[in-house]
Amino acid sequence: MLELADLQRAAGHEVEFFGMEHQLNPPHRYADRFPKQVQLDPPPPGLGRRAAVARMVYSPASRRGMEEVVRSFRPHVATCTSITSCRRRCWCRWPAPACRP
């Protein structure tokens, strides 16, 4: 996915990401809107495990964050991809500024 983003940028497209907060994430323009990290390896014990699984199915924080990013960035194309255990999305605006009339 990161290679795809590099290719899109090299072609003049504007690319942004949306994903879960994680200490290994590179800096992102919209990182302040990422939902908090869910630790799944090892999974939390007891009720924490159920809450983590439920959040992977539906997360109000993810929905709000993604809505804010989409309103701000206004992507023309959205690609949904998974990297390792983190959920991330990569958007590319098209046509790129250089391609616009």
PDB file of N, CA and C in Angstrom:
ATOM      1  N   MET A   1       0.808  -1.181   0.000  1.00  0.00           N
ATOM      2  CA  MET A   1       0.000   0.000   0.000  1.00  0.00           C
ATOM      3  C   MET A   1       0.860   1.257   0.000  1.00  0.00           C
ATOM      4  N   LEU A   2       1.923   1.254   0.768  1.00  0.00           N
ATOM      5  CA  LEU A   2       2.794   2.426   0.796  1.00  0.00           C
ATOM      6  C   LEU A   2       3.463   2.633  -0.557  1.00  0.00           C
ATOM      7  N   GLU A   3       3.773   1.524  -1.241  1.00  0.00           N
ATOM      8  CA  GLU A   3       4.362   1.635  -2.577  1.00  0.00           C
ATOM      9  C   GLU A   3       3.355   2.232  -3.554  1.00  0.00           C
ATOM     10  N   LEU A   4       2.091   1.844  -3.438  1.00  0.00           N
ATOM     11  CA  LEU A   4       1.045   2.417  -4.286  1.00  0.00           C
ATOM     12  C   LEU A   4       0.948   3.918  -4.054  1.00  0.00           C
ATOM     13  N   ALA A   5       0.970   4.339  -2.803  1.00  0.00           N
ATOM     14  CA  ALA A   5       0.921   5.770  -2.487  1.00  0.00           C
ATOM     15  C   ALA A   5       2.114   6.494  -3.091  1.00  0.00           C
ATOM     16  N   ASP A   6       3.314   5.893  -3.023  1.00  0.00           N
ATOM     17  CA  ASP A   6       4.499   6.500  -3.634  1.00  0.00           C
ATOM     18  C   ASP A   6       4.326   6.653  -5.144  1.00  0.00           C
ATOM     19  N   LEU A   7       3.775   5.623  -5.796  1.00  0.00           N
ATOM     20  CA  LEU A   7       3.536   5.699  -7.244  1.00  0.00           C
ATOM     21  C   LEU A   7       2.519   6.792  -7.571  1.00  0.00           C
ATOM     22  N   GLN A   8       1.466   6.883  -6.770  1.00  0.00           N
ATOM     23  CA  GLN A   8       0.452   7.912  -7.002  1.00  0.00           C
ATOM     24  C   GLN A   8       1.049   9.305  -6.833  1.00  0.00           C
ATOM     25  N   ARG A   9       1.847   9.502  -5.807  1.00  0.00           N
ATOM     26  CA  ARG A   9       2.497  10.806  -5.605  1.00  0.00           C
ATOM     27  C   ARG A   9       3.449  11.126  -6.747  1.00  0.00           C
ATOM     28  N   ALA A  10       4.203  10.122  -7.188  1.00  0.00           N
ATOM     29  CA  ALA A  10       5.146  10.331  -8.303  1.00  0.00           C
ATOM     30  C   ALA A  10       4.406  10.744  -9.569  1.00  0.00           C
ATOM     31  N   ALA A  11       3.158  10.308  -9.703  1.00  0.00           N
ATOM     32  CA  ALA A  11       2.347  10.670 -10.868  1.00  0.00           C
ATOM     33  C   ALA A  11       1.649  12.017 -10.666  1.00  0.00           C
ATOM     34  N   GLY A  12       1.898  12.679  -9.534  1.00  0.00           N
ATOM     35  CA  GLY A  12       1.344  14.001  -9.295  1.00  0.00           C
ATOM     36  C   GLY A  12       0.053  14.033  -8.512  1.00  0.00           C
ATOM     37  N   HIS A  13      -0.353  12.893  -7.950  1.00  0.00           N
ATOM     38  CA  HIS A  13      -1.593  12.837  -7.184  1.00  0.00           C
ATOM     39  C   HIS A  13      -1.348  13.232  -5.734  1.00  0.00           C
ATOM     40  N   GLU A  14      -2.383  13.730  -5.097  1.00  0.00           N
ATOM     41  CA  GLU A  14      -2.345  14.083  -3.695  1.00  0.00           C
ATOM     42  C   GLU A  14      -2.877  12.876  -2.914  1.00  0.00           C
ATOM     43  N   VAL A  15      -2.102  12.340  -2.001  1.00  0.00           N
ATOM     44  CA  VAL A  15      -2.454  11.109  -1.284  1.00  0.00           C
ATOM     45  C   VAL A  15      -2.465  11.377   0.215  1.00  0.00           C
ATOM     46  N   GLU A  16      -3.484  10.863   0.894  1.00  0.00           N
ATOM     47  CA  GLU A  16      -3.572  10.950   2.349  1.00  0.00           C
ATOM     48  C   GLU A  16      -3.976   9.599   2.910  1.00  0.00           C
ATOM     49  N   PHE A  17      -3.745   9.416   4.201  1.00  0.00           N
ATOM     50  CA  PHE A  17      -4.071   8.169   4.881  1.00  0.00           C
ATOM     51  C   PHE A  17      -5.035   8.418   6.029  1.00  0.00           C
ATOM     52  N   PHE A  18      -5.789   7.378   6.356  1.00  0.00           N
ATOM     53  CA  PHE A  18      -6.588   7.366   7.577  1.00  0.00           C
ATOM     54  C   PHE A  18      -6.383   5.999   8.198  1.00  0.00           C
ATOM     55  N   GLY A  19      -6.105   5.958   9.478  1.00  0.00           N
ATOM     56  CA  GLY A  19      -5.888   4.669  10.128  1.00  0.00           C
ATOM     57  C   GLY A  19      -5.952   4.790  11.628  1.00  0.00           C
ATOM     58  N   MET A  20      -5.549   3.738  12.280  1.00  0.00           N
ATOM     59  CA  MET A  20      -5.548   3.692  13.731  1.00  0.00           C
ATOM     60  C   MET A  20      -4.263   4.334  14.255  1.00  0.00           C
ATOM     61  N   GLU A  21      -4.368   5.047  15.350  1.00  0.00           N
ATOM     62  CA  GLU A  21      -3.206   5.630  16.003  1.00  0.00           C
ATOM     63  C   GLU A  21      -2.229   4.505  16.359  1.00  0.00           C
ATOM     64  N   HIS A  22      -0.960   4.698  16.032  1.00  0.00           N
ATOM     65  CA  HIS A  22       0.057   3.687  16.348  1.00  0.00           C
ATOM     66  C   HIS A  22       1.413   4.363  16.404  1.00  0.00           C
ATOM     67  N   GLN A  23       2.250   3.940  17.344  1.00  0.00           N
ATOM     68  CA  GLN A  23       3.554   4.575  17.536  1.00  0.00           C
ATOM     69  C   GLN A  23       4.481   4.401  16.339  1.00  0.00           C
ATOM     70  N   LEU A  24       4.241   3.417  15.484  1.00  0.00           N
ATOM     71  CA  LEU A  24       5.105   3.206  14.320  1.00  0.00           C
ATOM     72  C   LEU A  24       4.606   3.932  13.062  1.00  0.00           C
ATOM     73  N   ASN A  25       3.459   4.605  13.143  1.00  0.00           N
ATOM     74  CA  ASN A  25       2.965   5.360  11.992  1.00  0.00           C
ATOM     75  C   ASN A  25       3.921   6.496  11.662  1.00  0.00           C
ATOM     76  N   PRO A  26       4.185   6.712  10.387  1.00  0.00           N
ATOM     77  CA  PRO A  26       4.910   7.929  10.025  1.00  0.00           C
ATOM     78  C   PRO A  26       3.986   9.126  10.241  1.00  0.00           C
ATOM     79  N   PRO A  27       4.523  10.335  10.232  1.00  0.00           N
ATOM     80  CA  PRO A  27       3.649  11.508  10.405  1.00  0.00           C
ATOM     81  C   PRO A  27       2.600  11.575   9.288  1.00  0.00           C
ATOM     82  N   HIS A  28       1.368  11.903   9.648  1.00  0.00           N
ATOM     83  CA  HIS A  28       0.277  12.040   8.689  1.00  0.00           C
ATOM     84  C   HIS A  28      -0.461  13.342   8.953  1.00  0.00           C
ATOM     85  N   ARG A  29      -0.918  13.959   7.905  1.00  0.00           N
ATOM     86  CA  ARG A  29      -1.646  15.224   7.988  1.00  0.00           C
ATOM     87  C   ARG A  29      -2.872  15.120   8.900  1.00  0.00           C
ATOM     88  N   TYR A  30      -3.566  14.004   8.877  1.00  0.00           N
ATOM     89  CA  TYR A  30      -4.804  13.850   9.629  1.00  0.00           C
ATOM     90  C   TYR A  30      -4.647  12.932  10.846  1.00  0.00           C
ATOM     91  N   ALA A  31      -3.447  12.751  11.336  1.00  0.00           N
ATOM     92  CA  ALA A  31      -3.202  11.832  12.447  1.00  0.00           C
ATOM     93  C   ALA A  31      -3.996  12.197  13.699  1.00  0.00           C
ATOM     94  N   ASP A  32      -4.303  13.477  13.881  1.00  0.00           N
ATOM     95  CA  ASP A  32      -5.061  13.881  15.068  1.00  0.00           C
ATOM     96  C   ASP A  32      -6.503  13.373  15.024  1.00  0.00           C
ATOM     97  N   ARG A  33      -6.945  12.865  13.874  1.00  0.00           N
ATOM     98  CA  ARG A  33      -8.303  12.330  13.743  1.00  0.00           C
ATOM     99  C   ARG A  33      -8.335  10.800  13.771  1.00  0.00           C
ATOM    100  N   PHE A  34      -7.184  10.164  13.879  1.00  0.00           N
ATOM    101  CA  PHE A  34      -7.119   8.709  13.928  1.00  0.00           C
ATOM    102  C   PHE A  34      -7.698   8.219  15.259  1.00  0.00           C
ATOM    103  N   PRO A  35      -8.437   7.105  15.248  1.00  0.00           N
ATOM    104  CA  PRO A  35      -8.910   6.540  16.518  1.00  0.00           C
ATOM    105  C   PRO A  35      -7.747   5.961  17.313  1.00  0.00           C
ATOM    106  N   LYS A  36      -7.934   5.865  18.610  1.00  0.00           N
ATOM    107  CA  LYS A  36      -6.898   5.312  19.495  1.00  0.00           C
ATOM    108  C   LYS A  36      -6.586   3.867  19.114  1.00  0.00           C
ATOM    109  N   GLN A  37      -5.349   3.478  19.367  1.00  0.00           N
ATOM    110  CA  GLN A  37      -4.896   2.127  19.056  1.00  0.00           C
ATOM    111  C   GLN A  37      -5.638   1.097  19.900  1.00  0.00           C
ATOM    112  N   VAL A  38      -5.969  -0.023  19.274  1.00  0.00           N
ATOM    113  CA  VAL A  38      -6.530  -1.176  19.973  1.00  0.00           C
ATOM    114  C   VAL A  38      -5.445  -2.239  19.998  1.00  0.00           C
ATOM    115  N   GLN A  39      -5.039  -2.655  21.177  1.00  0.00           N
ATOM    116  CA  GLN A  39      -4.006  -3.678  21.314  1.00  0.00           C
ATOM    117  C   GLN A  39      -4.636  -5.056  21.177  1.00  0.00           C
ATOM    118  N   LEU A  40      -4.235  -5.781  20.148  1.00  0.00           N
ATOM    119  CA  LEU A  40      -4.802  -7.113  19.917  1.00  0.00           C
ATOM    120  C   LEU A  40      -3.769  -8.225  20.011  1.00  0.00           C
ATOM    121  N   ASP A  41      -2.511  -7.879  20.217  1.00  0.00           N
ATOM    122  CA  ASP A  41      -1.475  -8.898  20.283  1.00  0.00           C
ATOM    123  C   ASP A  41      -0.558  -8.612  21.463  1.00  0.00           C
ATOM    124  N   PRO A  42      -0.807  -9.157  22.623  1.00  0.00           N
ATOM    125  CA  PRO A  42      -1.882 -10.086  22.975  1.00  0.00           C
ATOM    126  C   PRO A  42      -3.194  -9.326  23.182  1.00  0.00           C
ATOM    127  N   PRO A  43      -4.306 -10.005  22.991  1.00  0.00           N
ATOM    128  CA  PRO A  43      -5.594  -9.346  23.204  1.00  0.00           C
ATOM    129  C   PRO A  43      -5.795  -9.026  24.678  1.00  0.00           C
ATOM    130  N   PRO A  44      -6.547  -7.966  24.970  1.00  0.00           N
ATOM    131  CA  PRO A  44      -6.810  -7.643  26.373  1.00  0.00           C
ATOM    132  C   PRO A  44      -7.633  -8.744  27.040  1.00  0.00           C
ATOM    133  N   PRO A  45      -7.501  -8.911  28.345  1.00  0.00           N
ATOM    134  CA  PRO A  45      -8.251  -9.973  29.036  1.00  0.00           C
ATOM    135  C   PRO A  45      -9.714  -9.604  29.254  1.00  0.00           C
ATOM    136  N   GLY A  46     -10.538 -10.605  29.469  1.00  0.00           N
ATOM    137  CA  GLY A  46     -11.928 -10.440  29.896  1.00  0.00           C
ATOM    138  C   GLY A  46     -12.764  -9.573  28.978  1.00  0.00           C
ATOM    139  N   LEU A  47     -13.472  -8.618  29.589  1.00  0.00           N
ATOM    140  CA  LEU A  47     -14.372  -7.747  28.846  1.00  0.00           C
ATOM    141  C   LEU A  47     -13.622  -6.842  27.873  1.00  0.00           C
ATOM    142  N   GLY A  48     -12.381  -6.543  28.169  1.00  0.00           N
ATOM    143  CA  GLY A  48     -11.570  -5.737  27.262  1.00  0.00           C
ATOM    144  C   GLY A  48     -11.423  -6.396  25.902  1.00  0.00           C
ATOM    145  N   ARG A  49     -11.338  -7.719  25.895  1.00  0.00           N
ATOM    146  CA  ARG A  49     -11.229  -8.472  24.638  1.00  0.00           C
ATOM    147  C   ARG A  49     -12.499  -8.295  23.808  1.00  0.00           C
ATOM    148  N   ARG A  50     -13.648  -8.407  24.469  1.00  0.00           N
ATOM    149  CA  ARG A  50     -14.927  -8.242  23.744  1.00  0.00           C
ATOM    150  C   ARG A  50     -15.068  -6.826  23.195  1.00  0.00           C
ATOM    151  N   ALA A  51     -14.675  -5.848  23.987  1.00  0.00           N
ATOM    152  CA  ALA A  51     -14.765  -4.453  23.541  1.00  0.00           C
ATOM    153  C   ALA A  51     -13.841  -4.213  22.353  1.00  0.00           C
ATOM    154  N   ALA A  52     -12.638  -4.798  22.390  1.00  0.00           N
ATOM    155  CA  ALA A  52     -11.696  -4.633  21.277  1.00  0.00           C
ATOM    156  C   ALA A  52     -12.249  -5.255  20.004  1.00  0.00           C
ATOM    157  N   VAL A  53     -12.818  -6.439  20.117  1.00  0.00           N
ATOM    158  CA  VAL A  53     -13.401  -7.102  18.944  1.00  0.00           C
ATOM    159  C   VAL A  53     -14.578  -6.288  18.419  1.00  0.00           C
ATOM    160  N   ALA A  54     -15.433  -5.801  19.307  1.00  0.00           N
ATOM    161  CA  ALA A  54     -16.579  -4.989  18.884  1.00  0.00           C
ATOM    162  C   ALA A  54     -16.107  -3.721  18.174  1.00  0.00           C
ATOM    163  N   ARG A  55     -15.027  -3.132  18.663  1.00  0.00           N
ATOM    164  CA  ARG A  55     -14.517  -1.910  18.045  1.00  0.00           C
ATOM    165  C   ARG A  55     -13.935  -2.176  16.658  1.00  0.00           C
ATOM    166  N   MET A  56     -13.435  -3.381  16.418  1.00  0.00           N
ATOM    167  CA  MET A  56     -12.918  -3.710  15.090  1.00  0.00           C
ATOM    168  C   MET A  56     -14.077  -3.830  14.099  1.00  0.00           C
ATOM    169  N   VAL A  57     -15.257  -4.189  14.595  1.00  0.00           N
ATOM    170  CA  VAL A  57     -16.436  -4.301  13.737  1.00  0.00           C
ATOM    171  C   VAL A  57     -17.037  -2.925  13.491  1.00  0.00           C
ATOM    172  N   TYR A  58     -17.162  -2.112  14.534  1.00  0.00           N
ATOM    173  CA  TYR A  58     -17.713  -0.769  14.393  1.00  0.00           C
ATOM    174  C   TYR A  58     -17.105   0.141  15.444  1.00  0.00           C
ATOM    175  N   SER A  59     -16.606   1.295  15.008  1.00  0.00           N
ATOM    176  CA  SER A  59     -15.994   2.248  15.914  1.00  0.00           C
ATOM    177  C   SER A  59     -16.566   3.635  15.661  1.00  0.00           C
ATOM    178  N   PRO A  60     -17.315   4.193  16.630  1.00  0.00           N
ATOM    179  CA  PRO A  60     -17.816   5.560  16.463  1.00  0.00           C
ATOM    180  C   PRO A  60     -16.688   6.577  16.268  1.00  0.00           C
ATOM    181  N   ALA A  61     -15.555   6.379  16.955  1.00  0.00           N
ATOM    182  CA  ALA A  61     -14.422   7.299  16.797  1.00  0.00           C
ATOM    183  C   ALA A  61     -13.863   7.226  15.377  1.00  0.00           C
ATOM    184  N   SER A  62     -13.800   6.022  14.813  1.00  0.00           N
ATOM    185  CA  SER A  62     -13.328   5.874  13.425  1.00  0.00           C
ATOM    186  C   SER A  62     -14.281   6.555  12.457  1.00  0.00           C
ATOM    187  N   ARG A  63     -15.564   6.364  12.687  1.00  0.00           N
ATOM    188  CA  ARG A  63     -16.556   6.981  11.800  1.00  0.00           C
ATOM    189  C   ARG A  63     -16.444   8.505  11.830  1.00  0.00           C
ATOM    190  N   ARG A  64     -16.377   9.073  13.031  1.00  0.00           N
ATOM    191  CA  ARG A  64     -16.264  10.535  13.144  1.00  0.00           C
ATOM    192  C   ARG A  64     -14.976  11.037  12.495  1.00  0.00           C
ATOM    193  N   GLY A  65     -13.872  10.363  12.795  1.00  0.00           N
ATOM    194  CA  GLY A  65     -12.589  10.779  12.236  1.00  0.00           C
ATOM    195  C   GLY A  65     -12.575  10.708  10.726  1.00  0.00           C
ATOM    196  N   MET A  66     -13.089   9.609  10.174  1.00  0.00           N
ATOM    197  CA  MET A  66     -13.099   9.467   8.722  1.00  0.00           C
ATOM    198  C   MET A  66     -14.019  10.502   8.076  1.00  0.00           C
ATOM    199  N   GLU A  67     -15.179  10.770   8.686  1.00  0.00           N
ATOM    200  CA  GLU A  67     -16.078  11.793   8.144  1.00  0.00           C
ATOM    201  C   GLU A  67     -15.387  13.153   8.099  1.00  0.00           C
ATOM    202  N   GLU A  68     -14.653  13.499   9.156  1.00  0.00           N
ATOM    203  CA  GLU A  68     -13.935  14.777   9.190  1.00  0.00           C
ATOM    204  C   GLU A  68     -12.858  14.836   8.111  1.00  0.00           C
ATOM    205  N   VAL A  69     -12.120  13.743   7.947  1.00  0.00           N
ATOM    206  CA  VAL A  69     -11.061  13.710   6.939  1.00  0.00           C
ATOM    207  C   VAL A  69     -11.656  13.809   5.532  1.00  0.00           C
ATOM    208  N   VAL A  70     -12.722  13.066   5.272  1.00  0.00           N
ATOM    209  CA  VAL A  70     -13.348  13.105   3.940  1.00  0.00           C
ATOM    210  C   VAL A  70     -13.876  14.508   3.654  1.00  0.00           C
ATOM    211  N   ARG A  71     -14.511  15.151   4.636  1.00  0.00           N
ATOM    212  CA  ARG A  71     -15.004  16.515   4.434  1.00  0.00           C
ATOM    213  C   ARG A  71     -13.862  17.481   4.143  1.00  0.00           C
ATOM    214  N   SER A  72     -12.753  17.313   4.829  1.00  0.00           N
ATOM    215  CA  SER A  72     -11.610  18.210   4.653  1.00  0.00           C
ATOM    216  C   SER A  72     -10.834  17.911   3.369  1.00  0.00           C
ATOM    217  N   PHE A  73     -10.523  16.653   3.135  1.00  0.00           N
ATOM    218  CA  PHE A  73      -9.670  16.265   2.001  1.00  0.00           C
ATOM    219  C   PHE A  73     -10.443  16.140   0.693  1.00  0.00           C
ATOM    220  N   ARG A  74     -11.705  15.752   0.772  1.00  0.00           N
ATOM    221  CA  ARG A  74     -12.586  15.605  -0.377  1.00  0.00           C
ATOM    222  C   ARG A  74     -11.964  14.720  -1.469  1.00  0.00           C
ATOM    223  N   PRO A  75     -11.720  13.449  -1.148  1.00  0.00           N
ATOM    224  CA  PRO A  75     -11.069  12.556  -2.123  1.00  0.00           C
ATOM    225  C   PRO A  75     -11.979  12.243  -3.302  1.00  0.00           C
ATOM    226  N   HIS A  76     -11.355  12.015  -4.437  1.00  0.00           N
ATOM    227  CA  HIS A  76     -12.088  11.549  -5.620  1.00  0.00           C
ATOM    228  C   HIS A  76     -12.079  10.034  -5.671  1.00  0.00           C
ATOM    229  N   VAL A  77     -11.062   9.433  -5.056  1.00  0.00           N
ATOM    230  CA  VAL A  77     -10.914   7.979  -5.041  1.00  0.00           C
ATOM    231  C   VAL A  77     -10.539   7.569  -3.623  1.00  0.00           C
ATOM    232  N   ALA A  78     -11.137   6.503  -3.121  1.00  0.00           N
ATOM    233  CA  ALA A  78     -10.775   5.959  -1.810  1.00  0.00           C
ATOM    234  C   ALA A  78     -10.422   4.495  -1.981  1.00  0.00           C
ATOM    235  N   THR A  79      -9.272   4.102  -1.472  1.00  0.00           N
ATOM    236  CA  THR A  79      -8.826   2.720  -1.523  1.00  0.00           C
ATOM    237  C   THR A  79      -8.753   2.205  -0.097  1.00  0.00           C
ATOM    238  N   CYS A  80      -9.453   1.131   0.197  1.00  0.00           N
ATOM    239  CA  CYS A  80      -9.438   0.547   1.540  1.00  0.00           C
ATOM    240  C   CYS A  80      -8.496  -0.643   1.546  1.00  0.00           C
ATOM    241  N   THR A  81      -7.506  -0.577   2.406  1.00  0.00           N
ATOM    242  CA  THR A  81      -6.471  -1.599   2.462  1.00  0.00           C
ATOM    243  C   THR A  81      -6.107  -1.864   3.908  1.00  0.00           C
ATOM    244  N   SER A  82      -5.623  -3.048   4.204  1.00  0.00           N
ATOM    245  CA  SER A  82      -5.171  -3.383   5.542  1.00  0.00           C
ATOM    246  C   SER A  82      -3.661  -3.571   5.527  1.00  0.00           C
ATOM    247  N   ILE A  83      -3.006  -2.977   6.506  1.00  0.00           N
ATOM    248  CA  ILE A  83      -1.567  -3.154   6.697  1.00  0.00           C
ATOM    249  C   ILE A  83      -1.395  -3.855   8.028  1.00  0.00           C
ATOM    250  N   THR A  84      -0.693  -4.966   8.068  1.00  0.00           N
ATOM    251  CA  THR A  84      -0.509  -5.779   9.278  1.00  0.00           C
ATOM    252  C   THR A  84      -1.822  -5.860  10.038  1.00  0.00           C
ATOM    253  N   SER A  85      -1.823  -5.498  11.319  1.00  0.00           N
ATOM    254  CA  SER A  85      -3.062  -5.583  12.082  1.00  0.00           C
ATOM    255  C   SER A  85      -3.780  -4.239  12.148  1.00  0.00           C
ATOM    256  N   CYS A  86      -3.220  -3.226  11.513  1.00  0.00           N
ATOM    257  CA  CYS A  86      -3.839  -1.891  11.563  1.00  0.00           C
ATOM    258  C   CYS A  86      -4.725  -1.678  10.348  1.00  0.00           C
ATOM    259  N   ARG A  87      -5.856  -1.019  10.564  1.00  0.00           N
ATOM    260  CA  ARG A  87      -6.734  -0.659   9.458  1.00  0.00           C
ATOM    261  C   ARG A  87      -6.338   0.727   8.986  1.00  0.00           C
ATOM    262  N   ARG A  88      -6.040   0.876   7.696  1.00  0.00           N
ATOM    263  CA  ARG A  88      -5.683   2.177   7.155  1.00  0.00           C
ATOM    264  C   ARG A  88      -6.367   2.368   5.828  1.00  0.00           C
ATOM    265  N   ARG A  89      -6.607   3.598   5.505  1.00  0.00           N
ATOM    266  CA  ARG A  89      -7.158   3.922   4.202  1.00  0.00           C
ATOM    267  C   ARG A  89      -6.247   4.934   3.537  1.00  0.00           C
ATOM    268  N   CYS A  90      -6.141   4.833   2.249  1.00  0.00           N
ATOM    269  CA  CYS A  90      -5.305   5.737   1.472  1.00  0.00           C
ATOM    270  C   CYS A  90      -6.193   6.383   0.417  1.00  0.00           C
ATOM    271  N   TRP A  91      -6.140   7.689   0.312  1.00  0.00           N
ATOM    272  CA  TRP A  91      -6.943   8.387  -0.688  1.00  0.00           C
ATOM    273  C   TRP A  91      -6.045   9.121  -1.659  1.00  0.00           C
ATOM    274  N   CYS A  92      -6.440   9.132  -2.886  1.00  0.00           N
ATOM    275  CA  CYS A  92      -5.703   9.860  -3.908  1.00  0.00           C
ATOM    276  C   CYS A  92      -6.677  10.787  -4.612  1.00  0.00           C
ATOM    277  N   ARG A  93      -6.378  12.063  -4.654  1.00  0.00           N
ATOM    278  CA  ARG A  93      -7.225  12.996  -5.397  1.00  0.00           C
ATOM    279  C   ARG A  93      -6.898  12.886  -6.864  1.00  0.00           C
ATOM    280  N   TRP A  94      -7.936  12.841  -7.662  1.00  0.00           N
ATOM    281  CA  TRP A  94      -7.735  12.767  -9.099  1.00  0.00           C
ATOM    282  C   TRP A  94      -8.775  13.619  -9.768  1.00  0.00           C
ATOM    283  N   PRO A  95      -8.505  14.355 -10.798  1.00  0.00           N
ATOM    284  CA  PRO A  95      -7.177  14.436 -11.398  1.00  0.00           C
ATOM    285  C   PRO A  95      -6.233  15.236 -10.529  1.00  0.00           C
ATOM    286  N   ALA A  96      -4.967  14.918 -10.657  1.00  0.00           N
ATOM    287  CA  ALA A  96      -3.945  15.656  -9.910  1.00  0.00           C
ATOM    288  C   ALA A  96      -3.936  17.101 -10.381  1.00  0.00           C
ATOM    289  N   PRO A  97      -3.463  18.026  -9.534  1.00  0.00           N
ATOM    290  CA  PRO A  97      -3.459  19.434  -9.934  1.00  0.00           C
ATOM    291  C   PRO A  97      -2.821  19.678 -11.304  1.00  0.00           C
ATOM    292  N   ALA A  98      -1.765  18.932 -11.614  1.00  0.00           N
ATOM    293  CA  ALA A  98      -1.098  19.105 -12.909  1.00  0.00           C
ATOM    294  C   ALA A  98      -1.973  18.631 -14.060  1.00  0.00           C
ATOM    295  N   CYS A  99      -2.933  17.745 -13.783  1.00  0.00           N
ATOM    296  CA  CYS A  99      -3.797  17.189 -14.829  1.00  0.00           C
ATOM    297  C   CYS A  99      -5.056  18.018 -15.051  1.00  0.00           C
ATOM    298  N   ARG A 100      -5.337  18.927 -14.145  1.00  0.00           N
ATOM    299  CA  ARG A 100      -6.573  19.701 -14.258  1.00  0.00           C
ATOM    300  C   ARG A 100      -6.443  20.754 -15.352  1.00  0.00           C
ATOM    301  N   PRO A 101      -7.544  21.033 -16.054  1.00  0.00           N
ATOM    302  CA  PRO A 101      -7.480  22.050 -17.115  1.00  0.00           C
ATOM    303  C   PRO A 101      -7.285  23.440 -16.547  1.00  0.00           C
TER     304      PRO A 101
END
